[in-house]
Amino acid sequence: ALAGALAVPGAADAVPTRVLVALVEARGAAAYVASFALALRDSELLRPRLRELLASDDPILRAHVARGLGGSAQESAVGLLGDAYRAEPDAAVRRAIVSALAERSEPGTRATLELAASLEPDDAARELARATLRGSRPAKAPRRGAAWLRLVPSSADPPLALLESPSGLSLPFAADPDGMLTVVGLLPGPIELELATATPGRAPGRGALP
């Protein structure tokens, strides 16, 4: 329940920073959305930790930090995102960085967006950069949907699922005792499913759902 609330900035604001840091450091099912919320409250004090997370060996974690920095109140976040883009080997993370820069209005975003528009090999990131430079980003669809899943645990551990919605956030959900999982408020589009356990850091599988 706490992790789900972290996807809503107004609700996440009520969570102490120390709790967010603890969730990220545990590297459990809530680490990704906690890193997003932590990056949203970017500050001079938090910046060293955010730099460490952007250099993490986990690309999903890097992507969530990048998306959070898109909403940072610090103008210097633009330079941090630009540096991260130039050093990023993972296409999905570069896509998240471009998406974050597209949400910002500082002139400093233009250099990285122009680089992505010209040389980015990932089609989605390249087209987003070009659309942003043209000022013609498509409006987000207002419709939201739901997903009903059944998880069959392979061990005695409680079944968990990490669902990556079209917004790019990976949200953890726990199934009921019968393995049923209901997720509402999803934006239209494909979602990614990662099966996990309650043990931090364990994620045995991942796959796409239409």
C-alpha atoms as a PDB file:
ATOM      1  CA  ALA A   1       0.000   0.000   0.000  1.00  0.00           C
ATOM      2  CA  LEU A   2       2.848   2.379   0.834  1.00  0.00           C
ATOM      3  CA  ALA A   3       4.679   1.598  -2.399  1.00  0.00           C
ATOM      4  CA  GLY A   4       1.541   2.252  -4.441  1.00  0.00           C
ATOM      5  CA  ALA A   5       1.132   5.643  -2.776  1.00  0.00           C
ATOM      6  CA  LEU A   6       4.676   6.603  -3.748  1.00  0.00           C
ATOM      7  CA  ALA A   7       3.580   6.799  -7.387  1.00  0.00           C
ATOM      8  CA  VAL A   8       1.343   9.753  -6.456  1.00  0.00           C
ATOM      9  CA  PRO A   9       3.517  12.840  -5.757  1.00  0.00           C
ATOM     10  CA  GLY A  10       1.041  14.378  -3.306  1.00  0.00           C
ATOM     11  CA  ALA A  11       0.925  11.192  -1.250  1.00  0.00           C
ATOM     12  CA  ALA A  12       4.663  10.558  -1.547  1.00  0.00           C
ATOM     13  CA  ASP A  13       5.340  13.978  -0.027  1.00  0.00           C
ATOM     14  CA  ALA A  14       4.039  12.674   3.307  1.00  0.00           C
ATOM     15  CA  VAL A  15       6.619   9.861   3.442  1.00  0.00           C
ATOM     16  CA  PRO A  16       9.858  10.733   5.329  1.00  0.00           C
ATOM     17  CA  THR A  17      13.025  10.717   3.249  1.00  0.00           C
ATOM     18  CA  ARG A  18      14.596   8.172   5.589  1.00  0.00           C
ATOM     19  CA  VAL A  19      11.790   5.727   4.718  1.00  0.00           C
ATOM     20  CA  LEU A  20      12.394   6.205   0.993  1.00  0.00           C
ATOM     21  CA  VAL A  21      16.123   5.662   1.462  1.00  0.00           C
ATOM     22  CA  ALA A  22      15.481   2.484   3.478  1.00  0.00           C
ATOM     23  CA  LEU A  23      13.178   1.109   0.759  1.00  0.00           C
ATOM     24  CA  VAL A  24      15.732   1.817  -1.946  1.00  0.00           C
ATOM     25  CA  GLU A  25      18.597   0.288   0.023  1.00  0.00           C
ATOM     26  CA  ALA A  26      16.563  -2.871   0.734  1.00  0.00           C
ATOM     27  CA  ARG A  27      16.321  -3.446  -3.049  1.00  0.00           C
ATOM     28  CA  GLY A  28      12.995  -5.161  -2.553  1.00  0.00           C
ATOM     29  CA  ALA A  29       9.788  -4.871  -4.555  1.00  0.00           C
ATOM     30  CA  ALA A  30       9.264  -1.242  -3.511  1.00  0.00           C
ATOM     31  CA  ALA A  31      12.784  -0.047  -4.389  1.00  0.00           C
ATOM     32  CA  TYR A  32      11.944   1.198  -7.881  1.00  0.00           C
ATOM     33  CA  VAL A  33       9.004   3.426  -7.049  1.00  0.00           C
ATOM     34  CA  ALA A  34      10.822   4.601  -3.900  1.00  0.00           C
ATOM     35  CA  SER A  35      13.797   5.682  -6.027  1.00  0.00           C
ATOM     36  CA  PHE A  36      11.383   7.611  -8.263  1.00  0.00           C
ATOM     37  CA  ALA A  37       9.904   9.407  -5.243  1.00  0.00           C
ATOM     38  CA  LEU A  38      13.377  10.089  -3.839  1.00  0.00           C
ATOM     39  CA  ALA A  39      14.526  11.658  -7.107  1.00  0.00           C
ATOM     40  CA  LEU A  40      11.422  13.849  -7.190  1.00  0.00           C
ATOM     41  CA  ARG A  41      12.585  15.532  -3.975  1.00  0.00           C
ATOM     42  CA  ASP A  42      16.068  16.059  -5.406  1.00  0.00           C
ATOM     43  CA  SER A  43      18.171  18.423  -3.272  1.00  0.00           C
ATOM     44  CA  GLU A  44      21.803  19.325  -2.645  1.00  0.00           C
ATOM     45  CA  LEU A  45      21.800  16.900   0.277  1.00  0.00           C
ATOM     46  CA  LEU A  46      20.336  14.030  -1.741  1.00  0.00           C
ATOM     47  CA  ARG A  47      22.292  14.648  -4.948  1.00  0.00           C
ATOM     48  CA  PRO A  48      25.290  12.390  -4.080  1.00  0.00           C
ATOM     49  CA  ARG A  49      22.955   9.468  -3.393  1.00  0.00           C
ATOM     50  CA  LEU A  50      21.020  10.104  -6.601  1.00  0.00           C
ATOM     51  CA  ARG A  51      24.274  10.110  -8.562  1.00  0.00           C
ATOM     52  CA  GLU A  52      25.088   6.727  -7.048  1.00  0.00           C
ATOM     53  CA  LEU A  53      21.687   5.377  -8.048  1.00  0.00           C
ATOM     54  CA  LEU A  54      22.138   6.665 -11.607  1.00  0.00           C
ATOM     55  CA  ALA A  55      25.349   4.619 -11.704  1.00  0.00           C
ATOM     56  CA  SER A  56      23.647   1.487 -10.313  1.00  0.00           C
ATOM     57  CA  ASP A  57      24.057  -1.833 -12.112  1.00  0.00           C
ATOM     58  CA  ASP A  58      20.246  -2.129 -12.236  1.00  0.00           C
ATOM     59  CA  PRO A  59      18.870  -0.417 -15.384  1.00  0.00           C
ATOM     60  CA  ILE A  60      15.307  -0.370 -14.044  1.00  0.00           C
ATOM     61  CA  LEU A  61      16.495   1.515 -10.975  1.00  0.00           C
ATOM     62  CA  ARG A  62      18.419   3.981 -13.152  1.00  0.00           C
ATOM     63  CA  ALA A  63      15.318   4.573 -15.266  1.00  0.00           C
ATOM     64  CA  HIS A  64      13.164   5.319 -12.227  1.00  0.00           C
ATOM     65  CA  VAL A  65      15.684   7.807 -10.866  1.00  0.00           C
ATOM     66  CA  ALA A  66      15.779   9.519 -14.254  1.00  0.00           C
ATOM     67  CA  ARG A  67      11.990   9.782 -14.411  1.00  0.00           C
ATOM     68  CA  GLY A  68      11.926  11.244 -10.920  1.00  0.00           C
ATOM     69  CA  LEU A  69      14.544  13.845 -11.829  1.00  0.00           C
ATOM     70  CA  GLY A  70      12.200  14.983 -14.573  1.00  0.00           C
ATOM     71  CA  GLY A  71      10.055  16.470 -11.805  1.00  0.00           C
ATOM     72  CA  SER A  72      12.915  17.823  -9.690  1.00  0.00           C
ATOM     73  CA  ALA A  73      12.670  21.439  -8.539  1.00  0.00           C
ATOM     74  CA  GLN A  74      16.429  21.818  -9.067  1.00  0.00           C
ATOM     75  CA  GLU A  75      17.469  23.349 -12.404  1.00  0.00           C
ATOM     76  CA  SER A  76      20.773  21.472 -12.160  1.00  0.00           C
ATOM     77  CA  ALA A  77      18.837  18.227 -12.655  1.00  0.00           C
ATOM     78  CA  VAL A  78      18.931  19.000 -16.393  1.00  0.00           C
ATOM     79  CA  GLY A  79      22.723  18.771 -16.434  1.00  0.00           C
ATOM     80  CA  LEU A  80      22.661  15.584 -14.373  1.00  0.00           C
ATOM     81  CA  LEU A  81      20.225  13.981 -16.814  1.00  0.00           C
ATOM     82  CA  GLY A  82      22.280  15.137 -19.785  1.00  0.00           C
ATOM     83  CA  ASP A  83      25.456  13.612 -18.361  1.00  0.00           C
ATOM     84  CA  ALA A  84      23.598  10.389 -17.569  1.00  0.00           C
ATOM     85  CA  TYR A  85      22.221  10.181 -21.105  1.00  0.00           C
ATOM     86  CA  ARG A  86      25.658  10.417 -22.688  1.00  0.00           C
ATOM     87  CA  ALA A  87      27.004   7.617 -20.508  1.00  0.00           C
ATOM     88  CA  GLU A  88      23.942   5.322 -20.589  1.00  0.00           C
ATOM     89  CA  PRO A  89      24.265   1.998 -22.485  1.00  0.00           C
ATOM     90  CA  ASP A  90      20.667   0.792 -21.957  1.00  0.00           C
ATOM     91  CA  ALA A  91      18.026   1.916 -24.470  1.00  0.00           C
ATOM     92  CA  ALA A  92      15.160   1.790 -21.962  1.00  0.00           C
ATOM     93  CA  VAL A  93      17.045   4.034 -19.545  1.00  0.00           C
ATOM     94  CA  ARG A  94      17.909   6.507 -22.313  1.00  0.00           C
ATOM     95  CA  ARG A  95      14.210   6.524 -23.189  1.00  0.00           C
ATOM     96  CA  ALA A  96      13.400   7.393 -19.567  1.00  0.00           C
ATOM     97  CA  ILE A  97      15.981  10.187 -19.593  1.00  0.00           C
ATOM     98  CA  VAL A  98      14.577  11.677 -22.784  1.00  0.00           C
ATOM     99  CA  SER A  99      11.075  11.457 -21.311  1.00  0.00           C
ATOM    100  CA  ALA A 100      12.285  13.242 -18.166  1.00  0.00           C
ATOM    101  CA  LEU A 101      13.943  16.008 -20.182  1.00  0.00           C
ATOM    102  CA  ALA A 102      10.796  16.385 -22.253  1.00  0.00           C
ATOM    103  CA  GLU A 103       8.929  17.331 -19.074  1.00  0.00           C
ATOM    104  CA  ARG A 104      11.302  20.210 -18.306  1.00  0.00           C
ATOM    105  CA  SER A 105      11.353  23.744 -19.707  1.00  0.00           C
ATOM    106  CA  GLU A 106      14.972  24.828 -19.097  1.00  0.00           C
ATOM    107  CA  PRO A 107      16.954  25.828 -22.222  1.00  0.00           C
ATOM    108  CA  GLY A 108      19.649  23.366 -21.157  1.00  0.00           C
ATOM    109  CA  THR A 109      17.458  20.438 -22.194  1.00  0.00           C
ATOM    110  CA  ARG A 110      17.821  21.290 -25.872  1.00  0.00           C
ATOM    111  CA  ALA A 111      21.408  20.052 -26.352  1.00  0.00           C
ATOM    112  CA  THR A 112      20.611  16.548 -25.098  1.00  0.00           C
ATOM    113  CA  LEU A 113      17.286  16.399 -26.940  1.00  0.00           C
ATOM    114  CA  GLU A 114      19.000  17.421 -30.181  1.00  0.00           C
ATOM    115  CA  LEU A 115      21.609  14.724 -29.635  1.00  0.00           C
ATOM    116  CA  ALA A 116      18.875  12.139 -29.069  1.00  0.00           C
ATOM    117  CA  ALA A 117      16.879  13.391 -32.062  1.00  0.00           C
ATOM    118  CA  SER A 118      19.905  12.923 -34.332  1.00  0.00           C
ATOM    119  CA  LEU A 119      21.802   9.918 -33.037  1.00  0.00           C
ATOM    120  CA  GLU A 120      19.590   7.922 -30.641  1.00  0.00           C
ATOM    121  CA  PRO A 121      19.259   4.327 -31.965  1.00  0.00           C
ATOM    122  CA  ASP A 122      16.090   3.615 -29.967  1.00  0.00           C
ATOM    123  CA  ASP A 123      13.095   4.534 -32.138  1.00  0.00           C
ATOM    124  CA  ALA A 124      10.799   5.568 -29.271  1.00  0.00           C
ATOM    125  CA  ALA A 125      13.387   7.795 -27.593  1.00  0.00           C
ATOM    126  CA  ARG A 126      14.455   9.363 -30.879  1.00  0.00           C
ATOM    127  CA  GLU A 127      10.880  10.163 -31.935  1.00  0.00           C
ATOM    128  CA  LEU A 128      10.036  11.559 -28.488  1.00  0.00           C
ATOM    129  CA  ALA A 129      13.059  13.861 -28.657  1.00  0.00           C
ATOM    130  CA  ARG A 130      12.079  15.056 -32.118  1.00  0.00           C
ATOM    131  CA  ALA A 131       8.468  15.620 -31.114  1.00  0.00           C
ATOM    132  CA  THR A 132       9.542  17.564 -28.026  1.00  0.00           C
ATOM    133  CA  LEU A 133      11.817  19.817 -30.076  1.00  0.00           C
ATOM    134  CA  ARG A 134       8.920  20.474 -32.460  1.00  0.00           C
ATOM    135  CA  GLY A 135       6.618  21.194 -29.545  1.00  0.00           C
ATOM    136  CA  SER A 136       4.225  18.539 -30.817  1.00  0.00           C
ATOM    137  CA  ARG A 137       4.217  15.850 -28.152  1.00  0.00           C
ATOM    138  CA  PRO A 138       0.952  13.884 -28.302  1.00  0.00           C
ATOM    139  CA  ALA A 139      -1.491  14.391 -25.436  1.00  0.00           C
ATOM    140  CA  LYS A 140      -1.655  11.576 -22.911  1.00  0.00           C
ATOM    141  CA  ALA A 141      -4.716   9.399 -23.180  1.00  0.00           C
ATOM    142  CA  PRO A 142      -7.124  10.108 -20.302  1.00  0.00           C
ATOM    143  CA  ARG A 143      -8.610   6.605 -20.256  1.00  0.00           C
ATOM    144  CA  ARG A 144      -7.469   4.150 -17.628  1.00  0.00           C
ATOM    145  CA  GLY A 145      -8.015   0.447 -17.417  1.00  0.00           C
ATOM    146  CA  ALA A 146      -7.625  -2.554 -15.153  1.00  0.00           C
ATOM    147  CA  ALA A 147      -5.795  -5.879 -15.230  1.00  0.00           C
ATOM    148  CA  TRP A 148      -6.791  -9.151 -13.559  1.00  0.00           C
ATOM    149  CA  LEU A 149      -4.024 -11.715 -13.066  1.00  0.00           C
ATOM    150  CA  ARG A 150      -3.561 -14.976 -11.237  1.00  0.00           C
ATOM    151  CA  LEU A 151      -0.139 -15.758  -9.813  1.00  0.00           C
ATOM    152  CA  VAL A 152       0.791 -19.347  -9.071  1.00  0.00           C
ATOM    153  CA  PRO A 153       3.636 -19.380  -6.504  1.00  0.00           C
ATOM    154  CA  SER A 154       6.458 -21.862  -7.061  1.00  0.00           C
ATOM    155  CA  SER A 155       7.513 -21.787  -3.419  1.00  0.00           C
ATOM    156  CA  ALA A 156       6.176 -20.955   0.022  1.00  0.00           C
ATOM    157  CA  ASP A 157       7.136 -17.305  -0.431  1.00  0.00           C
ATOM    158  CA  PRO A 158       4.217 -14.889  -0.824  1.00  0.00           C
ATOM    159  CA  PRO A 159       3.682 -14.143  -4.542  1.00  0.00           C
ATOM    160  CA  LEU A 160       4.407 -10.561  -5.562  1.00  0.00           C
ATOM    161  CA  ALA A 161       4.261  -8.858  -8.932  1.00  0.00           C
ATOM    162  CA  LEU A 162       6.045  -5.810 -10.250  1.00  0.00           C
ATOM    163  CA  LEU A 163       3.950  -4.229 -12.979  1.00  0.00           C
ATOM    164  CA  GLU A 164       5.572  -1.669 -15.234  1.00  0.00           C
ATOM    165  CA  SER A 165       2.787   0.480 -16.634  1.00  0.00           C
ATOM    166  CA  PRO A 166       2.989   2.675 -19.756  1.00  0.00           C
ATOM    167  CA  SER A 167       3.948   5.539 -17.420  1.00  0.00           C
ATOM    168  CA  GLY A 168       7.263   3.732 -16.865  1.00  0.00           C
ATOM    169  CA  LEU A 169       6.851   3.088 -13.141  1.00  0.00           C
ATOM    170  CA  SER A 170       7.250  -0.421 -11.716  1.00  0.00           C
ATOM    171  CA  LEU A 171       4.662  -0.830  -8.973  1.00  0.00           C
ATOM    172  CA  PRO A 172       4.646  -3.795  -6.571  1.00  0.00           C
ATOM    173  CA  PHE A 173       1.431  -5.650  -5.822  1.00  0.00           C
ATOM    174  CA  ALA A 174       0.722  -8.580  -3.527  1.00  0.00           C
ATOM    175  CA  ALA A 175      -1.685 -11.320  -4.556  1.00  0.00           C
ATOM    176  CA  ASP A 176      -4.434 -12.643  -2.305  1.00  0.00           C
ATOM    177  CA  PRO A 177      -4.146 -16.200  -0.892  1.00  0.00           C
ATOM    178  CA  ASP A 178      -5.672 -17.627  -4.104  1.00  0.00           C
ATOM    179  CA  GLY A 179      -3.081 -15.864  -6.217  1.00  0.00           C
ATOM    180  CA  MET A 180      -5.555 -13.334  -7.645  1.00  0.00           C
ATOM    181  CA  LEU A 181      -4.240  -9.852  -8.376  1.00  0.00           C
ATOM    182  CA  THR A 182      -6.335  -6.871  -9.474  1.00  0.00           C
ATOM    183  CA  VAL A 183      -4.660  -3.695 -10.702  1.00  0.00           C
ATOM    184  CA  VAL A 184      -6.666  -0.592 -11.541  1.00  0.00           C
ATOM    185  CA  GLY A 185      -5.767   2.855 -12.848  1.00  0.00           C
ATOM    186  CA  LEU A 186      -3.504   1.594 -15.643  1.00  0.00           C
ATOM    187  CA  LEU A 187      -2.923   3.806 -18.670  1.00  0.00           C
ATOM    188  CA  PRO A 188      -3.666   2.207 -22.070  1.00  0.00           C
ATOM    189  CA  GLY A 189      -0.802   0.277 -23.606  1.00  0.00           C
ATOM    190  CA  PRO A 190       1.430  -2.732 -22.894  1.00  0.00           C
ATOM    191  CA  ILE A 191       2.574  -3.491 -19.377  1.00  0.00           C
ATOM    192  CA  GLU A 192       5.583  -5.465 -18.165  1.00  0.00           C
ATOM    193  CA  LEU A 193       5.200  -8.119 -15.478  1.00  0.00           C
ATOM    194  CA  GLU A 194       8.006  -9.243 -13.195  1.00  0.00           C
ATOM    195  CA  LEU A 195       7.358 -12.054 -10.736  1.00  0.00           C
ATOM    196  CA  ALA A 196       9.145 -11.608  -7.443  1.00  0.00           C
ATOM    197  CA  THR A 197       9.117 -12.779  -3.844  1.00  0.00           C
ATOM    198  CA  ALA A 198       9.108 -10.968  -0.525  1.00  0.00           C
ATOM    199  CA  THR A 199      12.874 -11.425  -0.321  1.00  0.00           C
ATOM    200  CA  PRO A 200      14.665  -8.204  -1.377  1.00  0.00           C
ATOM    201  CA  GLY A 201      16.546  -8.475  -4.625  1.00  0.00           C
ATOM    202  CA  ARG A 202      14.914 -11.691  -5.889  1.00  0.00           C
ATOM    203  CA  ALA A 203      13.138 -11.455  -9.236  1.00  0.00           C
ATOM    204  CA  PRO A 204      13.064 -14.786 -11.109  1.00  0.00           C
ATOM    205  CA  GLY A 205      11.210 -13.755 -14.256  1.00  0.00           C
ATOM    206  CA  ARG A 206       9.870 -10.970 -16.433  1.00  0.00           C
ATOM    207  CA  GLY A 207       7.533 -10.848 -19.423  1.00  0.00           C
ATOM    208  CA  ALA A 208       5.265  -8.630 -21.472  1.00  0.00           C
ATOM    209  CA  LEU A 209       1.483  -8.511 -21.278  1.00  0.00           C
ATOM    210  CA  PRO A 210      -0.763  -6.918 -23.949  1.00  0.00           C
END
